[in-house]
């Protein structure tokens, strides 16, 4: 079976798309994400690929060149099918669809790889439902224990354990993945999520260290109409000043700091809140800068809390170190692609988790003309997407000769 990239892209594009915003809502193990996963397995089965799964639901579909190669290590490419809340079409799915299309291209040319080539789809990379980015790859590599993972809860209070059971997956099987024993090399194609790439296709050099940090501001609930301003212990004020401090400190450090999620109690219009929980996404070019950034933000939050008569507690929920992709593999890909530009990224990826686990890993980027990502406005031109498929096919051919 072989379909054009355009046909594959159009077939997947409607799955999980909000008709009002145009954004995608494919949280892990939701009906939309499951539909996208079933689409992927149907495409793989139609191509005669051998599909393997692990306990959490990560998938790799193998193109086995010979009967003797079955079960042997090979090259895996692919990405993820889930999305952030109201996210764009390209973040994740572009890598999966491009992998299918690249394999179609190689088979149509009559190319026979010397090792198996796998197409991967890894679950809950965005962490949009359970708050843990790269959840599937973290579990697969053993970075995240099954006990901690299964206890994670979504915003409705549903645990990962219960979500898996409802989706027909046995939670008792969750743990380090046997899929990794076959992953000799991993290459992830992804839309670039900034405006640094000016050529159609580039190669990643590194991923900035980054993390998610939960700030809990506690104060005293009271009446919005009768409580004097000077008598209040308002955690919303402490949070607001912390958000402003995070913005300023990130600008000074050349880093990134974003409060994008907030929970307020009791969340009443006419009540001073008793508690505000805010999640900070922080990223920087080095671990030292990231640590200094967090220290500065937390210090200013604490100082403000003392003035407001509130308290603040900061807890890291996930922290990822810097990833420097192997220079030899990185440079090889750039050379294969006629000296494609090499650039770092501030966005996290499954590729970073696999690289930290010791798997030779590389990334290809497809140009993003606006630099917008994690938004319905995320975009890549079709000509650039096709250039990405061509580049991925060339890389796979070179690595699998």
Protein backbone atom coordinates (compact mmCIF):
# COMPACT_ATOMS: atom_id res chain seq x y z
CA UNK A 1 0.00 0.00 0.00
CA UNK A 2 1.22 3.52 -0.78
CA UNK A 3 -0.56 6.83 -0.40
CA UNK A 4 0.83 10.28 -1.00
CA UNK A 5 1.83 12.39 1.97
CA UNK A 6 -1.04 14.73 1.15
CA UNK A 7 -3.56 11.88 1.32
CA UNK A 8 -2.19 10.59 4.61
CA UNK A 9 -2.14 14.08 6.09
CA UNK A 10 -5.70 14.81 5.04
CA UNK A 11 -6.93 11.51 6.47
CA UNK A 12 -5.50 12.23 9.93
CA UNK A 13 -6.22 15.97 9.99
CA UNK A 14 -9.86 15.70 11.06
CA UNK A 15 -9.23 13.47 14.08
CA UNK A 16 -9.64 15.38 17.34
CA UNK A 17 -9.96 18.79 15.68
CA UNK A 18 -12.17 21.35 17.42
CA UNK A 19 -14.51 22.81 14.77
CA UNK A 20 -14.68 26.17 16.57
CA UNK A 21 -11.01 26.88 17.27
CA UNK A 22 -9.37 24.65 14.66
CA UNK A 23 -7.12 23.31 17.42
CA UNK A 24 -6.60 19.70 18.46
CA UNK A 25 -7.55 17.95 21.69
CA UNK A 26 -5.87 14.58 21.68
CA UNK A 27 -5.00 13.98 25.31
CA UNK A 28 -3.62 10.56 26.17
CA UNK A 29 -6.19 7.75 26.09
CA UNK A 30 -9.06 10.07 25.17
CA UNK A 31 -11.40 8.98 22.36
CA UNK A 32 -9.72 11.35 19.88
CA UNK A 33 -6.21 10.12 20.70
CA UNK A 34 -7.39 6.50 20.50
CA UNK A 35 -8.95 7.19 17.10
CA UNK A 36 -5.65 8.62 15.86
CA UNK A 37 -3.83 5.57 17.21
CA UNK A 38 -6.25 3.21 15.46
CA UNK A 39 -5.68 5.15 12.23
CA UNK A 40 -1.94 4.61 12.65
CA UNK A 41 -2.25 0.87 13.27
CA UNK A 42 -4.62 0.50 10.31
CA UNK A 43 -2.06 2.24 8.07
CA UNK A 44 0.72 -0.02 9.34
CA UNK A 45 -1.31 -3.19 8.90
CA UNK A 46 -2.25 -2.15 5.37
CA UNK A 47 1.49 -1.94 4.60
CA UNK A 48 2.20 -5.36 6.04
CA UNK A 49 4.29 -3.93 8.88
CA UNK A 50 4.72 -5.90 12.09
CA UNK A 51 3.32 -3.91 15.02
CA UNK A 52 4.82 -4.26 18.49
CA UNK A 53 3.51 -2.60 21.65
CA UNK A 54 4.70 -2.25 25.22
CA UNK A 55 2.79 -2.06 28.49
CA UNK A 56 1.98 1.65 28.37
CA UNK A 57 0.92 1.54 24.69
CA UNK A 58 3.98 2.83 22.84
CA UNK A 59 3.95 1.37 19.32
CA UNK A 60 6.63 0.49 16.79
CA UNK A 61 5.66 -0.92 13.39
CA UNK A 62 8.54 -2.76 11.71
CA UNK A 63 9.52 -3.06 8.08
CA UNK A 64 11.45 -6.32 8.19
CA UNK A 65 13.68 -6.66 5.10
CA UNK A 66 14.08 -10.46 5.50
CA UNK A 67 12.70 -13.23 7.65
CA UNK A 68 16.12 -13.52 9.28
CA UNK A 69 16.03 -9.88 10.42
CA UNK A 70 12.85 -10.28 12.48
CA UNK A 71 13.46 -9.33 16.08
CA UNK A 72 16.87 -7.79 15.42
CA UNK A 73 17.76 -4.17 16.27
CA UNK A 74 17.13 -1.50 13.65
CA UNK A 75 16.43 2.16 12.98
CA UNK A 76 13.27 3.71 14.44
CA UNK A 77 11.69 6.93 13.28
CA UNK A 78 8.38 8.55 14.19
CA UNK A 79 6.98 10.80 16.90
CA UNK A 80 3.66 11.13 18.76
CA UNK A 81 -0.05 11.56 17.96
CA UNK A 82 -1.30 13.31 21.12
CA UNK A 83 -1.56 17.08 21.39
CA UNK A 84 -1.51 19.90 23.89
CA UNK A 85 -4.91 21.34 24.75
CA UNK A 86 -6.14 23.15 21.63
CA UNK A 87 -2.82 22.48 19.91
CA UNK A 88 -1.66 22.57 16.32
CA UNK A 89 -1.82 19.91 13.65
CA UNK A 90 1.92 19.44 13.10
CA UNK A 91 3.47 18.94 16.53
CA UNK A 92 3.92 15.17 16.65
CA UNK A 93 1.74 13.90 13.80
CA UNK A 94 4.06 15.40 11.17
CA UNK A 95 6.78 12.99 12.30
CA UNK A 96 4.48 9.98 12.20
CA UNK A 97 2.94 10.75 8.81
CA UNK A 98 6.35 11.64 7.36
CA UNK A 99 7.72 8.30 8.57
CA UNK A 100 4.94 6.38 6.84
CA UNK A 101 5.49 8.39 3.67
CA UNK A 102 9.29 7.99 3.77
CA UNK A 103 8.97 4.21 4.09
CA UNK A 104 6.50 4.20 1.18
CA UNK A 105 9.02 6.15 -0.88
CA UNK A 106 11.89 3.77 -0.11
CA UNK A 107 9.81 0.69 -0.87
CA UNK A 108 8.59 2.19 -4.13
CA UNK A 109 12.23 2.76 -5.12
CA UNK A 110 12.97 -0.90 -4.48
CA UNK A 111 15.38 -0.10 -1.66
CA UNK A 112 16.07 -3.04 0.66
CA UNK A 113 17.44 -1.97 4.06
CA UNK A 114 20.19 -3.98 5.71
CA UNK A 115 18.43 -3.65 9.08
CA UNK A 116 14.76 -3.35 10.08
CA UNK A 117 13.18 0.10 9.97
CA UNK A 118 10.52 0.89 12.56
CA UNK A 119 7.86 3.60 12.69
CA UNK A 120 7.11 4.67 16.24
CA UNK A 121 4.14 6.37 17.87
CA UNK A 122 4.80 7.17 21.53
CA UNK A 123 2.02 7.99 23.98
CA UNK A 124 1.30 11.18 25.95
CA UNK A 125 4.41 13.04 24.80
CA UNK A 126 2.83 16.41 25.56
CA UNK A 127 1.70 15.46 29.04
CA UNK A 128 -1.47 17.45 28.43
CA UNK A 129 -3.70 15.02 30.31
CA UNK A 130 -1.53 13.71 33.16
CA UNK A 131 0.93 16.58 33.51
CA UNK A 132 4.06 14.54 32.78
CA UNK A 133 5.76 15.35 29.45
CA UNK A 134 7.17 12.46 27.43
CA UNK A 135 5.23 10.09 29.67
CA UNK A 136 5.46 7.10 27.32
CA UNK A 137 9.17 7.40 26.66
CA UNK A 138 9.97 8.14 30.32
CA UNK A 139 8.24 4.92 31.36
CA UNK A 140 9.81 2.98 28.49
CA UNK A 141 13.33 4.00 29.52
CA UNK A 142 12.75 3.53 33.24
CA UNK A 143 13.14 7.23 34.06
CA UNK A 144 9.63 7.20 35.52
CA UNK A 145 8.64 4.31 37.77
CA UNK A 146 5.34 2.48 37.18
CA UNK A 147 4.21 3.31 40.72
CA UNK A 148 4.64 7.04 40.25
CA UNK A 149 3.21 6.98 36.73
CA UNK A 150 0.08 5.01 37.56
CA UNK A 151 -0.72 7.37 40.44
CA UNK A 152 -0.75 10.45 38.20
CA UNK A 153 -4.19 12.06 37.89
CA UNK A 154 -5.80 14.19 35.21
CA UNK A 155 -7.81 17.34 35.94
CA UNK A 156 -10.94 15.29 36.55
CA UNK A 157 -9.20 13.15 39.18
CA UNK A 158 -8.91 10.07 36.94
CA UNK A 159 -5.69 8.19 37.59
CA UNK A 160 -3.48 6.91 34.79
CA UNK A 161 -4.14 3.42 36.11
CA UNK A 162 -7.89 3.85 35.67
CA UNK A 163 -7.51 5.53 32.27
CA UNK A 164 -5.44 2.60 31.00
CA UNK A 165 -7.95 0.09 32.31
CA UNK A 166 -10.82 1.94 30.63
CA UNK A 167 -8.86 1.90 27.36
CA UNK A 168 -8.34 -1.87 27.60
CA UNK A 169 -4.70 -1.74 28.72
CA UNK A 170 -3.60 -3.74 31.76
CA UNK A 171 -1.92 -1.32 34.25
CA UNK A 172 0.08 -4.22 35.69
CA UNK A 173 2.06 -4.42 32.43
CA UNK A 174 3.35 -0.85 32.70
CA UNK A 175 7.12 -0.67 33.06
CA UNK A 176 10.42 -0.43 31.14
CA UNK A 177 9.88 -1.29 27.50
CA UNK A 178 11.15 -4.25 25.51
CA UNK A 179 10.82 -2.03 22.42
CA UNK A 180 14.09 -0.31 23.31
CA UNK A 181 16.10 -3.49 22.83
CA UNK A 182 15.46 -3.15 19.09
CA UNK A 183 16.04 0.59 18.89
CA UNK A 184 19.64 0.79 17.66
CA UNK A 185 19.10 4.33 16.35
CA UNK A 186 16.23 6.78 16.70
CA UNK A 187 15.54 9.67 14.31
CA UNK A 188 12.61 11.97 15.05
CA UNK A 189 11.28 14.41 12.46
CA UNK A 190 9.41 17.35 13.97
CA UNK A 191 8.09 20.72 12.96
CA UNK A 192 10.45 23.43 14.23
CA UNK A 193 8.73 25.31 17.03
CA UNK A 194 10.38 28.67 16.60
CA UNK A 195 11.62 30.88 13.77
CA UNK A 196 15.30 29.93 13.86
CA UNK A 197 15.16 27.60 10.84
CA UNK A 198 15.17 29.45 7.51
CA UNK A 199 15.88 26.44 5.26
CA UNK A 200 13.16 23.85 4.58
CA UNK A 201 14.88 21.19 6.73
CA UNK A 202 17.40 21.36 9.57
CA UNK A 203 19.11 19.09 12.10
CA UNK A 204 18.93 19.44 15.89
CA UNK A 205 22.11 20.00 17.87
CA UNK A 206 20.66 19.99 21.37
CA UNK A 207 17.59 20.41 23.58
CA UNK A 208 17.64 23.05 26.31
CA UNK A 209 17.25 21.87 29.92
CA UNK A 210 13.70 22.49 31.04
CA UNK A 211 11.08 21.56 33.60
CA UNK A 212 7.65 22.02 35.11
CA UNK A 213 7.42 23.49 38.60
CA UNK A 214 4.30 23.73 40.77
CA UNK A 215 3.92 26.86 42.89
CA UNK A 216 1.28 26.74 45.66
CA UNK A 217 0.30 30.12 47.12
CA UNK A 218 -1.81 29.96 50.29
CA UNK A 219 -3.71 32.78 51.93
CA UNK A 220 -7.07 33.41 53.58
CA UNK A 221 -10.47 33.30 51.92
CA UNK A 222 -12.65 36.30 52.66
CA UNK A 223 -15.47 38.48 51.37
CA UNK A 224 -14.64 40.53 48.26
CA UNK A 225 -16.96 43.37 49.23
CA UNK A 226 -16.43 43.81 52.96
CA UNK A 227 -12.77 42.93 53.53
CA UNK A 228 -10.57 46.01 53.55
CA UNK A 229 -7.72 45.87 51.06
CA UNK A 230 -5.18 46.28 53.86
CA UNK A 231 -6.73 43.39 55.82
CA UNK A 232 -6.42 40.81 53.05
CA UNK A 233 -4.08 37.84 52.76
CA UNK A 234 -4.62 37.34 49.06
CA UNK A 235 -2.56 34.59 47.36
CA UNK A 236 -3.66 35.87 43.94
CA UNK A 237 -1.60 39.00 44.49
CA UNK A 238 1.45 36.90 45.39
CA UNK A 239 0.95 34.78 42.30
CA UNK A 240 0.49 37.84 40.06
CA UNK A 241 3.73 39.41 41.25
CA UNK A 242 5.49 36.07 40.84
CA UNK A 243 4.31 35.83 37.24
CA UNK A 244 5.67 39.33 36.57
CA UNK A 245 8.95 38.43 38.29
CA UNK A 246 9.25 35.26 36.18
CA UNK A 247 8.78 37.27 33.00
CA UNK A 248 11.44 39.80 34.00
CA UNK A 249 13.98 37.26 35.22
CA UNK A 250 13.62 35.15 32.06
CA UNK A 251 14.17 38.21 29.87
CA UNK A 252 17.28 39.16 31.83
CA UNK A 253 18.68 35.62 31.56
CA UNK A 254 17.81 35.06 27.90
CA UNK A 255 15.68 32.14 29.11
CA UNK A 256 12.00 31.19 29.00
CA UNK A 257 9.47 31.26 31.86
CA UNK A 258 5.74 30.70 31.41
CA UNK A 259 2.86 30.37 33.83
CA UNK A 260 0.31 28.75 31.54
CA UNK A 261 -1.91 26.84 33.96
CA UNK A 262 -3.72 28.04 37.07
CA UNK A 263 -6.07 26.57 39.68
CA UNK A 264 -7.88 28.85 42.15
CA UNK A 265 -9.76 27.91 45.32
CA UNK A 266 -12.58 28.46 46.05
CA UNK A 267 -12.71 30.09 42.60
CA UNK A 268 -15.57 32.44 43.41
CA UNK A 269 -16.02 35.85 41.77
CA UNK A 270 -16.97 37.52 45.05
CA UNK A 271 -14.38 35.86 47.30
CA UNK A 272 -10.73 36.47 48.05
CA UNK A 273 -9.12 33.12 47.19
CA UNK A 274 -7.63 30.85 49.83
CA UNK A 275 -5.19 29.13 47.47
CA UNK A 276 -3.73 29.58 44.03
CA UNK A 277 -1.79 26.76 42.36
CA UNK A 278 0.24 27.76 39.33
CA UNK A 279 2.47 25.72 37.07
CA UNK A 280 5.67 27.27 35.74
CA UNK A 281 7.33 26.01 32.57
CA UNK A 282 10.98 27.14 32.66
CA UNK A 283 13.73 26.59 30.07
CA UNK A 284 17.25 27.87 29.55
CA UNK A 285 20.33 27.25 27.44
CA UNK A 286 22.23 25.68 30.34
CA UNK A 287 21.49 23.97 33.65
CA UNK A 288 23.23 26.76 35.57
CA UNK A 289 21.07 29.44 33.98
CA UNK A 290 17.92 27.40 34.62
CA UNK A 291 18.85 26.91 38.27
CA UNK A 292 19.63 30.61 38.71
CA UNK A 293 16.34 31.53 37.05
CA UNK A 294 14.32 29.31 39.40
CA UNK A 295 16.22 30.60 42.42
CA UNK A 296 15.48 34.20 41.48
CA UNK A 297 11.78 33.56 40.82
CA UNK A 298 11.32 31.59 44.05
CA UNK A 299 13.18 34.23 46.09
CA UNK A 300 10.98 37.03 44.75
CA UNK A 301 7.85 34.94 45.30
CA UNK A 302 8.85 34.31 48.91
CA UNK A 303 9.63 37.97 49.56
CA UNK A 304 6.29 39.01 48.12
CA UNK A 305 4.46 36.35 50.18
CA UNK A 306 5.96 37.81 53.36
CA UNK A 307 4.55 41.24 52.47
CA UNK A 308 1.15 39.81 51.50
CA UNK A 309 0.76 37.65 54.60
CA UNK A 310 0.66 34.52 52.43
CA UNK A 311 2.91 31.53 51.90
CA UNK A 312 4.46 29.94 48.83
CA UNK A 313 5.78 26.44 48.17
CA UNK A 314 7.57 25.33 44.99
CA UNK A 315 7.76 21.66 43.97
CA UNK A 316 9.48 20.40 40.77
CA UNK A 317 7.15 18.05 38.90
CA UNK A 318 9.48 17.15 36.05
CA UNK A 319 12.99 18.27 35.17
CA UNK A 320 14.88 17.34 31.99
CA UNK A 321 18.65 17.97 31.67
CA UNK A 322 20.31 19.38 28.59
CA UNK A 323 20.49 16.96 25.67
CA UNK A 324 23.44 17.20 23.31
CA UNK A 325 22.74 14.91 20.39
CA UNK A 326 25.71 12.76 19.35
CA UNK A 327 27.92 14.95 17.15
CA UNK A 328 28.88 12.09 14.84
CA UNK A 329 25.29 11.14 14.03
CA UNK A 330 24.18 14.77 13.90
CA UNK A 331 26.95 15.71 11.47
CA UNK A 332 26.29 12.63 9.37
CA UNK A 333 22.67 13.65 8.90
CA UNK A 334 23.63 17.21 8.04
CA UNK A 335 26.11 15.94 5.43
CA UNK A 336 23.55 13.57 3.89
CA UNK A 337 21.22 16.56 3.55
CA UNK A 338 23.79 18.74 1.75
CA UNK A 339 25.03 20.49 4.89
CA UNK A 340 21.60 21.21 6.33
CA UNK A 341 21.68 23.85 9.09
CA UNK A 342 22.20 22.63 12.66
CA UNK A 343 20.32 24.38 15.48
CA UNK A 344 19.30 23.90 19.13
CA UNK A 345 15.72 23.88 20.39
CA UNK A 346 13.97 24.90 23.57
CA UNK A 347 11.22 22.31 23.07
CA UNK A 348 11.30 18.88 24.72
CA UNK A 349 10.88 15.67 22.73
CA UNK A 350 10.85 11.88 23.12
CA UNK A 351 14.15 12.01 21.23
CA UNK A 352 15.70 13.73 24.24
CA UNK A 353 14.56 10.98 26.60
CA UNK A 354 15.88 8.24 24.31
CA UNK A 355 19.17 10.08 23.90
CA UNK A 356 19.58 10.29 27.68
CA UNK A 357 18.96 6.53 27.83
CA UNK A 358 22.05 5.97 25.67
CA UNK A 359 20.32 5.34 22.35
CA UNK A 360 22.04 7.05 19.37
CA UNK A 361 19.46 9.72 18.56
CA UNK A 362 19.02 12.57 16.09
CA UNK A 363 16.29 15.00 15.07
CA UNK A 364 15.22 16.63 11.83
CA UNK A 365 13.24 19.88 11.81
CA UNK A 366 10.83 21.12 9.16
CA UNK A 367 10.59 24.89 8.79
CA UNK A 368 7.83 26.77 10.61
CA UNK A 369 7.30 30.09 8.78
CA UNK A 370 5.57 31.87 11.67
CA UNK A 371 7.32 30.23 14.60
CA UNK A 372 3.91 29.62 16.23
CA UNK A 373 3.43 26.27 17.94
CA UNK A 374 1.17 24.71 20.59
CA UNK A 375 -1.60 26.74 18.98
CA UNK A 376 -4.19 26.23 16.22
CA UNK A 377 -2.10 28.69 14.15
CA UNK A 378 0.85 26.27 14.00
CA UNK A 379 1.77 25.81 10.35
CA UNK A 380 4.23 24.37 7.86
CA UNK A 381 4.04 24.76 4.10
CA UNK A 382 3.25 21.63 2.14
CA UNK A 383 6.41 22.01 0.04
CA UNK A 384 8.48 22.03 3.24
CA UNK A 385 6.64 18.99 4.56
CA UNK A 386 7.42 17.14 1.35
CA UNK A 387 11.05 18.25 1.65
CA UNK A 388 10.98 16.76 5.15
CA UNK A 389 9.76 13.42 3.80
CA UNK A 390 12.50 13.45 1.19
CA UNK A 391 15.10 14.29 3.83
CA UNK A 392 13.88 11.57 6.19
CA UNK A 393 13.93 8.99 3.38
CA UNK A 394 17.50 10.00 2.50
CA UNK A 395 18.59 9.69 6.14
CA UNK A 396 16.94 6.29 6.57
CA UNK A 397 18.51 5.05 3.37
CA UNK A 398 21.96 6.20 4.50
CA UNK A 399 21.66 4.68 7.96
CA UNK A 400 20.17 1.39 6.71
CA UNK A 401 22.54 0.67 3.82
